[in-house]
Amino acid sequence: MQTFKTLFQQRINMDGEVTFETLPMLLQHFAQTIPFENLRIINNNKSLLSKEGLQKKILIRKEGGVCYELNTLLYYYLEECGFDVTLVSACIYDQKSNDWSTTGNTHVTILLKHNSEKYIVDAGFGANIPLAPLPLTGEVMTTANGHFRIKPTGDGYTLDLKLEGRDDDWRVGYYFSEDNRITDMTELEQMQQIIEIHPASPFNKSPLLTKRTTDGLYILTPSSFTQWHNGVSVKQTIGEEEYRMLLQTKFEMKGPQ
């Protein structure tokens, strides 16, 4: 039987031992092979957040997931590789309401410590993923997806971003504190329940899928397909048949399982 580590590396098409220096490459591979998607939530089919449960869902069935699935999967892998990692909860800033999300701390991210320095590693922030470890010092990191920084603020930090081709100015992605470490599986399950049933959750309304490409991004909903290519977007209106086809051809998924 193949190990979790082997299945993970096969899933993201990356060989060899991962090091801190190769984490950006790992994050790019992850983003280009594992979609951010909420199909199980829409289908009222709960996923298990244990290492075995996520292995079955994402590595074997080749589904994607939302933050508490994607970042928890990555956390298990990095921990197995010997990294000093901790899961941390965060509160998303709602750009539409111009306020913090009423669902509270329901975003899950990874705090990584390397050579006495601390970083945020996030593979589960939808189209907003940084694609590189972000130091907690405020240093701006530039990747194919834009500019990112972790800004100290009060007793915590904000992840700020300026996406390539989409943002003219910096905006806040989410707020977190090092004190909000997730130490028990029940905490993850509580977040999962809120995201699945809370009226303010954006992920229990309609199917949404995003996935990075080598030079851009795919965004798919039942009514539209958007392709970002070198900072330029093309959006087309689609019907049910096109949606099913794109689900398979662009995201390599069969729909709700």
C-alpha atoms as a PDB file:
ATOM      1  CA  MET A   1       0.000   0.000   0.000  1.00  0.00           C
ATOM      2  CA  GLN A   2       1.316   3.453  -0.932  1.00  0.00           C
ATOM      3  CA  THR A   3       2.088   5.859   1.873  1.00  0.00           C
ATOM      4  CA  PHE A   4       0.382   9.206   2.447  1.00  0.00           C
ATOM      5  CA  LYS A   5       3.584  10.986   1.435  1.00  0.00           C
ATOM      6  CA  THR A   6       3.871   9.047  -1.834  1.00  0.00           C
ATOM      7  CA  LEU A   7       0.203   9.597  -2.702  1.00  0.00           C
ATOM      8  CA  PHE A   8       0.544  13.328  -1.982  1.00  0.00           C
ATOM      9  CA  GLN A   9       3.566  13.698  -4.242  1.00  0.00           C
ATOM     10  CA  GLN A  10       1.896  11.708  -7.003  1.00  0.00           C
ATOM     11  CA  ARG A  11      -1.225  13.878  -6.712  1.00  0.00           C
ATOM     12  CA  ILE A  12       0.717  17.114  -7.215  1.00  0.00           C
ATOM     13  CA  ASN A  13       3.152  15.648  -9.766  1.00  0.00           C
ATOM     14  CA  MET A  14       6.267  16.465  -7.756  1.00  0.00           C
ATOM     15  CA  ASP A  15       9.131  14.140  -6.906  1.00  0.00           C
ATOM     16  CA  GLY A  16      11.936  14.303  -4.380  1.00  0.00           C
ATOM     17  CA  GLU A  17      12.273  15.562  -0.850  1.00  0.00           C
ATOM     18  CA  VAL A  18      10.722  18.944  -0.142  1.00  0.00           C
ATOM     19  CA  THR A  19      12.824  21.641   1.552  1.00  0.00           C
ATOM     20  CA  PHE A  20      11.994  25.147   2.690  1.00  0.00           C
ATOM     21  CA  GLU A  21      13.620  26.446  -0.499  1.00  0.00           C
ATOM     22  CA  THR A  22      11.397  24.274  -2.703  1.00  0.00           C
ATOM     23  CA  LEU A  23       8.127  25.177  -0.922  1.00  0.00           C
ATOM     24  CA  PRO A  24       7.166  27.761  -3.615  1.00  0.00           C
ATOM     25  CA  MET A  25       7.496  25.032  -6.253  1.00  0.00           C
ATOM     26  CA  LEU A  26       5.413  22.659  -4.114  1.00  0.00           C
ATOM     27  CA  LEU A  27       2.718  25.319  -3.658  1.00  0.00           C
ATOM     28  CA  GLN A  28       2.608  25.953  -7.407  1.00  0.00           C
ATOM     29  CA  HIS A  29       2.245  22.238  -8.138  1.00  0.00           C
ATOM     30  CA  PHE A  30      -0.447  21.955  -5.460  1.00  0.00           C
ATOM     31  CA  ALA A  31      -2.408  24.891  -6.890  1.00  0.00           C
ATOM     32  CA  GLN A  32      -2.220  23.589 -10.461  1.00  0.00           C
ATOM     33  CA  THR A  33      -3.425  20.080  -9.638  1.00  0.00           C
ATOM     34  CA  ILE A  34      -5.773  20.336  -6.636  1.00  0.00           C
ATOM     35  CA  PRO A  35      -8.718  22.693  -7.154  1.00  0.00           C
ATOM     36  CA  PHE A  36     -10.362  24.859  -4.544  1.00  0.00           C
ATOM     37  CA  GLU A  37     -13.960  23.621  -4.742  1.00  0.00           C
ATOM     38  CA  ASN A  38     -17.101  23.237  -2.634  1.00  0.00           C
ATOM     39  CA  LEU A  39     -19.014  20.487  -4.461  1.00  0.00           C
ATOM     40  CA  ARG A  40     -19.359  18.247  -1.415  1.00  0.00           C
ATOM     41  CA  ILE A  41     -20.795  21.130   0.599  1.00  0.00           C
ATOM     42  CA  ILE A  42     -23.356  21.874  -2.122  1.00  0.00           C
ATOM     43  CA  ASN A  43     -24.209  18.174  -2.281  1.00  0.00           C
ATOM     44  CA  ASN A  44     -24.645  18.008   1.537  1.00  0.00           C
ATOM     45  CA  ASN A  45     -21.942  15.353   1.689  1.00  0.00           C
ATOM     46  CA  LYS A  46     -19.607  15.943   4.634  1.00  0.00           C
ATOM     47  CA  SER A  47     -15.920  15.062   4.263  1.00  0.00           C
ATOM     48  CA  LEU A  48     -13.733  13.637   7.023  1.00  0.00           C
ATOM     49  CA  LEU A  49     -10.904  15.927   8.090  1.00  0.00           C
ATOM     50  CA  SER A  50      -8.649  13.225   9.474  1.00  0.00           C
ATOM     51  CA  LYS A  51      -5.439  12.385   7.642  1.00  0.00           C
ATOM     52  CA  GLU A  52      -7.059   9.192   6.338  1.00  0.00           C
ATOM     53  CA  GLY A  53     -10.246  10.993   5.325  1.00  0.00           C
ATOM     54  CA  LEU A  54      -8.439  13.685   3.360  1.00  0.00           C
ATOM     55  CA  GLN A  55      -6.157  11.110   1.787  1.00  0.00           C
ATOM     56  CA  LYS A  56      -9.186   9.254   0.468  1.00  0.00           C
ATOM     57  CA  LYS A  57     -11.007  12.396  -0.729  1.00  0.00           C
ATOM     58  CA  ILE A  58      -8.185  14.405  -2.300  1.00  0.00           C
ATOM     59  CA  LEU A  59      -5.322  12.011  -2.978  1.00  0.00           C
ATOM     60  CA  ILE A  60      -7.239   8.903  -4.049  1.00  0.00           C
ATOM     61  CA  ARG A  61     -10.588  10.198  -5.357  1.00  0.00           C
ATOM     62  CA  LYS A  62      -8.767  13.236  -6.755  1.00  0.00           C
ATOM     63  CA  GLU A  63     -11.280  15.793  -5.502  1.00  0.00           C
ATOM     64  CA  GLY A  64     -10.331  19.252  -4.254  1.00  0.00           C
ATOM     65  CA  GLY A  65     -11.687  21.086  -1.232  1.00  0.00           C
ATOM     66  CA  VAL A  66     -11.988  24.308   0.718  1.00  0.00           C
ATOM     67  CA  CYS A  67      -9.491  25.812   3.182  1.00  0.00           C
ATOM     68  CA  TYR A  68     -10.036  23.435   6.092  1.00  0.00           C
ATOM     69  CA  GLU A  69      -9.480  20.498   3.736  1.00  0.00           C
ATOM     70  CA  LEU A  70      -6.661  21.798   1.523  1.00  0.00           C
ATOM     71  CA  ASN A  71      -4.540  23.409   4.230  1.00  0.00           C
ATOM     72  CA  THR A  72      -5.112  20.541   6.653  1.00  0.00           C
ATOM     73  CA  LEU A  73      -3.979  18.089   3.966  1.00  0.00           C
ATOM     74  CA  LEU A  74      -0.876  20.206   3.321  1.00  0.00           C
ATOM     75  CA  TYR A  75      -0.267  20.478   7.072  1.00  0.00           C
ATOM     76  CA  TYR A  76      -0.263  16.681   7.422  1.00  0.00           C
ATOM     77  CA  TYR A  77       2.232  16.410   4.572  1.00  0.00           C
ATOM     78  CA  LEU A  78       4.590  19.123   5.856  1.00  0.00           C
ATOM     79  CA  GLU A  79       4.467  17.646   9.356  1.00  0.00           C
ATOM     80  CA  GLU A  80       5.395  14.228   7.946  1.00  0.00           C
ATOM     81  CA  CYS A  81       8.307  15.857   6.098  1.00  0.00           C
ATOM     82  CA  GLY A  82       9.658  17.192   9.396  1.00  0.00           C
ATOM     83  CA  PHE A  83       8.564  20.847   9.193  1.00  0.00           C
ATOM     84  CA  ASP A  84       7.589  22.746  12.361  1.00  0.00           C
ATOM     85  CA  VAL A  85       3.967  23.549  11.449  1.00  0.00           C
ATOM     86  CA  THR A  86       0.755  24.473  13.260  1.00  0.00           C
ATOM     87  CA  LEU A  87      -2.770  25.028  11.981  1.00  0.00           C
ATOM     88  CA  VAL A  88      -4.152  28.489  12.793  1.00  0.00           C
ATOM     89  CA  SER A  89      -7.663  29.895  12.414  1.00  0.00           C
ATOM     90  CA  ALA A  90      -8.256  33.263  10.730  1.00  0.00           C
ATOM     91  CA  CYS A  91     -11.137  35.643   9.995  1.00  0.00           C
ATOM     92  CA  ILE A  92     -11.735  36.554   6.357  1.00  0.00           C
ATOM     93  CA  TYR A  93     -12.288  40.196   5.414  1.00  0.00           C
ATOM     94  CA  ASP A  94     -15.483  40.409   3.367  1.00  0.00           C
ATOM     95  CA  GLN A  95     -14.787  42.769   0.459  1.00  0.00           C
ATOM     96  CA  LYS A  96     -18.481  43.075  -0.451  1.00  0.00           C
ATOM     97  CA  SER A  97     -19.643  44.220   2.984  1.00  0.00           C
ATOM     98  CA  ASN A  98     -16.335  45.952   3.726  1.00  0.00           C
ATOM     99  CA  ASP A  99     -16.227  44.249   7.117  1.00  0.00           C
ATOM    100  CA  TRP A 100     -14.987  41.116   8.831  1.00  0.00           C
ATOM    101  CA  SER A 101     -16.906  37.940   8.030  1.00  0.00           C
ATOM    102  CA  THR A 102     -19.784  37.228  10.397  1.00  0.00           C
ATOM    103  CA  THR A 103     -18.816  33.543  10.330  1.00  0.00           C
ATOM    104  CA  GLY A 104     -15.819  34.454  12.524  1.00  0.00           C
ATOM    105  CA  ASN A 105     -12.562  32.529  12.483  1.00  0.00           C
ATOM    106  CA  THR A 106     -13.483  29.952   9.864  1.00  0.00           C
ATOM    107  CA  HIS A 107     -10.450  30.176   7.608  1.00  0.00           C
ATOM    108  CA  VAL A 108      -7.682  27.658   8.274  1.00  0.00           C
ATOM    109  CA  THR A 109      -4.071  28.459   7.418  1.00  0.00           C
ATOM    110  CA  ILE A 110      -0.627  27.101   8.328  1.00  0.00           C
ATOM    111  CA  LEU A 111       1.975  28.731  10.586  1.00  0.00           C
ATOM    112  CA  LEU A 112       5.464  27.416   9.781  1.00  0.00           C
ATOM    113  CA  LYS A 113       8.645  28.014  11.764  1.00  0.00           C
ATOM    114  CA  HIS A 114      11.998  27.789   9.957  1.00  0.00           C
ATOM    115  CA  ASN A 115      15.397  28.913  11.302  1.00  0.00           C
ATOM    116  CA  SER A 116      13.705  30.869  14.124  1.00  0.00           C
ATOM    117  CA  GLU A 117      11.557  32.791  11.613  1.00  0.00           C
ATOM    118  CA  LYS A 118       7.794  32.358  11.223  1.00  0.00           C
ATOM    119  CA  TYR A 119       5.813  32.166   7.990  1.00  0.00           C
ATOM    120  CA  ILE A 120       2.269  31.699   6.765  1.00  0.00           C
ATOM    121  CA  VAL A 121       1.823  28.944   4.194  1.00  0.00           C
ATOM    122  CA  ASP A 122      -1.619  28.928   2.572  1.00  0.00           C
ATOM    123  CA  ALA A 123      -2.835  26.663  -0.226  1.00  0.00           C
ATOM    124  CA  GLY A 124      -6.538  27.046   0.568  1.00  0.00           C
ATOM    125  CA  PHE A 125      -7.381  30.707  -0.075  1.00  0.00           C
ATOM    126  CA  GLY A 126      -9.144  30.165  -3.391  1.00  0.00           C
ATOM    127  CA  ALA A 127      -8.003  32.502  -6.161  1.00  0.00           C
ATOM    128  CA  ASN A 128      -6.030  34.507  -3.574  1.00  0.00           C
ATOM    129  CA  ILE A 129      -3.297  31.969  -2.767  1.00  0.00           C
ATOM    130  CA  PRO A 130       0.179  33.495  -2.251  1.00  0.00           C
ATOM    131  CA  LEU A 131       2.128  30.570  -3.839  1.00  0.00           C
ATOM    132  CA  ALA A 132       5.043  31.131  -1.423  1.00  0.00           C
ATOM    133  CA  PRO A 133       5.691  31.176   2.338  1.00  0.00           C
ATOM    134  CA  LEU A 134       4.981  34.662   3.714  1.00  0.00           C
ATOM    135  CA  PRO A 135       7.254  35.904   6.544  1.00  0.00           C
ATOM    136  CA  LEU A 136       5.574  37.500   9.551  1.00  0.00           C
ATOM    137  CA  THR A 137       7.971  40.455   9.229  1.00  0.00           C
ATOM    138  CA  GLY A 138       5.886  42.363   6.665  1.00  0.00           C
ATOM    139  CA  GLU A 139       8.241  41.693   3.759  1.00  0.00           C
ATOM    140  CA  VAL A 140       6.424  41.795   0.408  1.00  0.00           C
ATOM    141  CA  MET A 141       6.552  38.532  -1.535  1.00  0.00           C
ATOM    142  CA  THR A 142       5.884  38.633  -5.282  1.00  0.00           C
ATOM    143  CA  THR A 143       4.671  35.513  -7.089  1.00  0.00           C
ATOM    144  CA  ALA A 144       2.821  34.665 -10.292  1.00  0.00           C
ATOM    145  CA  ASN A 145      -0.438  35.470  -8.488  1.00  0.00           C
ATOM    146  CA  GLY A 146       0.538  38.957  -7.318  1.00  0.00           C
ATOM    147  CA  HIS A 147       2.021  40.698  -4.269  1.00  0.00           C
ATOM    148  CA  PHE A 148       1.494  39.467  -0.713  1.00  0.00           C
ATOM    149  CA  ARG A 149       2.572  40.449   2.791  1.00  0.00           C
ATOM    150  CA  ILE A 150       1.832  39.614   6.407  1.00  0.00           C
ATOM    151  CA  LYS A 151       1.300  42.907   8.219  1.00  0.00           C
ATOM    152  CA  PRO A 152       1.621  43.081  12.021  1.00  0.00           C
ATOM    153  CA  THR A 153      -1.416  44.806  13.511  1.00  0.00           C
ATOM    154  CA  GLY A 154      -2.206  45.117  17.197  1.00  0.00           C
ATOM    155  CA  ASP A 155      -2.037  41.687  18.788  1.00  0.00           C
ATOM    156  CA  GLY A 156      -2.121  39.837  15.478  1.00  0.00           C
ATOM    157  CA  TYR A 157      -1.508  40.055  11.752  1.00  0.00           C
ATOM    158  CA  THR A 158      -3.323  40.592   8.480  1.00  0.00           C
ATOM    159  CA  LEU A 159      -2.581  38.913   5.192  1.00  0.00           C
ATOM    160  CA  ASP A 160      -2.640  41.719   2.611  1.00  0.00           C
ATOM    161  CA  LEU A 161      -2.691  41.116  -1.116  1.00  0.00           C
ATOM    162  CA  LYS A 162      -2.600  42.817  -4.480  1.00  0.00           C
ATOM    163  CA  LEU A 163      -3.484  40.265  -7.148  1.00  0.00           C
ATOM    164  CA  GLU A 164      -1.838  40.358 -10.556  1.00  0.00           C
ATOM    165  CA  GLY A 165      -4.156  41.988 -13.101  1.00  0.00           C
ATOM    166  CA  ARG A 166      -7.013  42.286 -10.610  1.00  0.00           C
ATOM    167  CA  ASP A 167      -6.056  44.703  -7.816  1.00  0.00           C
ATOM    168  CA  ASP A 168      -4.715  48.239  -8.148  1.00  0.00           C
ATOM    169  CA  ASP A 169      -4.258  48.710  -4.396  1.00  0.00           C
ATOM    170  CA  TRP A 170      -3.506  46.565  -1.385  1.00  0.00           C
ATOM    171  CA  ARG A 171      -6.488  44.914   0.306  1.00  0.00           C
ATOM    172  CA  VAL A 172      -6.896  42.804   3.414  1.00  0.00           C
ATOM    173  CA  GLY A 173      -7.401  39.073   2.952  1.00  0.00           C
ATOM    174  CA  TYR A 174      -7.736  37.900   6.532  1.00  0.00           C
ATOM    175  CA  TYR A 175      -6.718  38.488  10.154  1.00  0.00           C
ATOM    176  CA  PHE A 176      -5.089  35.951  12.447  1.00  0.00           C
ATOM    177  CA  SER A 177      -3.289  35.692  15.750  1.00  0.00           C
ATOM    178  CA  GLU A 178      -0.626  33.189  16.753  1.00  0.00           C
ATOM    179  CA  ASP A 179      -2.806  32.472  19.777  1.00  0.00           C
ATOM    180  CA  ASN A 180      -5.530  31.009  17.537  1.00  0.00           C
ATOM    181  CA  ARG A 181      -3.731  27.695  17.047  1.00  0.00           C
ATOM    182  CA  ILE A 182      -5.905  24.703  16.243  1.00  0.00           C
ATOM    183  CA  THR A 183      -4.996  21.880  18.585  1.00  0.00           C
ATOM    184  CA  ASP A 184      -7.990  19.572  18.334  1.00  0.00           C
ATOM    185  CA  MET A 185      -9.887  17.973  15.455  1.00  0.00           C
ATOM    186  CA  THR A 186     -13.199  19.125  16.957  1.00  0.00           C
ATOM    187  CA  GLU A 187     -12.171  22.758  16.270  1.00  0.00           C
ATOM    188  CA  LEU A 188     -11.806  21.960  12.576  1.00  0.00           C
ATOM    189  CA  GLU A 189     -15.121  20.123  12.559  1.00  0.00           C
ATOM    190  CA  GLN A 190     -16.854  23.123  14.169  1.00  0.00           C
ATOM    191  CA  MET A 191     -15.501  25.403  11.433  1.00  0.00           C
ATOM    192  CA  GLN A 192     -16.626  22.900   8.830  1.00  0.00           C
ATOM    193  CA  GLN A 193     -20.154  22.919  10.237  1.00  0.00           C
ATOM    194  CA  ILE A 194     -20.318  26.728  10.242  1.00  0.00           C
ATOM    195  CA  ILE A 195     -19.141  26.924   6.614  1.00  0.00           C
ATOM    196  CA  GLU A 196     -21.684  24.274   5.606  1.00  0.00           C
ATOM    197  CA  ILE A 197     -24.771  25.758   7.307  1.00  0.00           C
ATOM    198  CA  HIS A 198     -24.202  29.422   8.252  1.00  0.00           C
ATOM    199  CA  PRO A 199     -26.371  31.855   6.237  1.00  0.00           C
ATOM    200  CA  ALA A 200     -23.375  34.173   5.714  1.00  0.00           C
ATOM    201  CA  SER A 201     -21.095  31.430   4.397  1.00  0.00           C
ATOM    202  CA  PRO A 202     -20.285  32.043   0.715  1.00  0.00           C
ATOM    203  CA  PHE A 203     -19.554  28.369   0.135  1.00  0.00           C
ATOM    204  CA  ASN A 204     -22.971  26.778   0.756  1.00  0.00           C
ATOM    205  CA  LYS A 205     -24.873  28.720  -1.919  1.00  0.00           C
ATOM    206  CA  SER A 206     -23.632  27.569  -5.318  1.00  0.00           C
ATOM    207  CA  PRO A 207     -20.783  25.510  -6.814  1.00  0.00           C
ATOM    208  CA  LEU A 208     -17.466  27.350  -7.157  1.00  0.00           C
ATOM    209  CA  LEU A 209     -14.165  25.989  -8.445  1.00  0.00           C
ATOM    210  CA  THR A 210     -10.817  27.704  -8.945  1.00  0.00           C
ATOM    211  CA  LYS A 211      -7.477  26.283 -10.079  1.00  0.00           C
ATOM    212  CA  ARG A 212      -4.165  27.817 -11.052  1.00  0.00           C
ATOM    213  CA  THR A 213      -2.639  27.196 -14.464  1.00  0.00           C
ATOM    214  CA  THR A 214       0.965  27.698 -15.543  1.00  0.00           C
ATOM    215  CA  ASP A 215       0.187  31.294 -16.553  1.00  0.00           C
ATOM    216  CA  GLY A 216      -3.108  32.164 -14.899  1.00  0.00           C
ATOM    217  CA  LEU A 217      -6.280  30.845 -13.338  1.00  0.00           C
ATOM    218  CA  TYR A 218      -9.562  29.070 -14.039  1.00  0.00           C
ATOM    219  CA  ILE A 219     -12.769  30.053 -12.229  1.00  0.00           C
ATOM    220  CA  LEU A 220     -15.891  27.968 -12.822  1.00  0.00           C
ATOM    221  CA  THR A 221     -19.503  28.359 -11.669  1.00  0.00           C
ATOM    222  CA  PRO A 222     -22.649  26.738 -13.135  1.00  0.00           C
ATOM    223  CA  SER A 223     -23.271  29.886 -15.200  1.00  0.00           C
ATOM    224  CA  SER A 224     -19.795  31.170 -16.119  1.00  0.00           C
ATOM    225  CA  PHE A 225     -16.225  30.174 -16.906  1.00  0.00           C
ATOM    226  CA  THR A 226     -13.399  32.691 -16.485  1.00  0.00           C
ATOM    227  CA  GLN A 227      -9.870  32.170 -17.749  1.00  0.00           C
ATOM    228  CA  TRP A 228      -7.034  34.396 -16.576  1.00  0.00           C
ATOM    229  CA  HIS A 229      -4.044  34.312 -18.908  1.00  0.00           C
ATOM    230  CA  ASN A 230      -0.987  36.488 -18.197  1.00  0.00           C
ATOM    231  CA  GLY A 231      -3.084  38.979 -16.225  1.00  0.00           C
ATOM    232  CA  VAL A 232      -5.899  39.197 -18.809  1.00  0.00           C
ATOM    233  CA  SER A 233      -9.315  37.628 -18.163  1.00  0.00           C
ATOM    234  CA  VAL A 234     -11.890  36.206 -20.562  1.00  0.00           C
ATOM    235  CA  LYS A 235     -15.307  35.376 -19.103  1.00  0.00           C
ATOM    236  CA  GLN A 236     -17.989  33.409 -20.912  1.00  0.00           C
ATOM    237  CA  THR A 237     -21.558  32.500 -20.029  1.00  0.00           C
ATOM    238  CA  ILE A 238     -22.175  28.752 -19.993  1.00  0.00           C
ATOM    239  CA  GLY A 239     -25.028  26.282 -19.608  1.00  0.00           C
ATOM    240  CA  GLU A 240     -25.355  23.014 -17.700  1.00  0.00           C
ATOM    241  CA  GLU A 241     -23.768  20.858 -20.417  1.00  0.00           C
ATOM    242  CA  GLU A 242     -20.763  23.166 -20.773  1.00  0.00           C
ATOM    243  CA  TYR A 243     -20.408  23.295 -16.990  1.00  0.00           C
ATOM    244  CA  ARG A 244     -20.217  19.488 -16.767  1.00  0.00           C
ATOM    245  CA  MET A 245     -17.742  19.365 -19.627  1.00  0.00           C
ATOM    246  CA  LEU A 246     -15.460  22.027 -18.118  1.00  0.00           C
ATOM    247  CA  LEU A 247     -15.667  20.296 -14.755  1.00  0.00           C
ATOM    248  CA  GLN A 248     -14.058  17.259 -16.349  1.00  0.00           C
ATOM    249  CA  THR A 249     -11.692  18.854 -18.873  1.00  0.00           C
ATOM    250  CA  LYS A 250     -10.330  21.787 -16.831  1.00  0.00           C
ATOM    251  CA  PHE A 251     -10.689  20.490 -13.275  1.00  0.00           C
ATOM    252  CA  GLU A 252     -10.544  16.726 -13.874  1.00  0.00           C
ATOM    253  CA  MET A 253     -13.604  16.217 -11.675  1.00  0.00           C
ATOM    254  CA  LYS A 254     -16.831  14.330 -12.235  1.00  0.00           C
ATOM    255  CA  GLY A 255     -19.054  16.471 -10.055  1.00  0.00           C
ATOM    256  CA  PRO A 256     -20.416  15.839  -6.565  1.00  0.00           C
ATOM    257  CA  GLN A 257     -19.379  12.432  -5.251  1.00  0.00           C
END
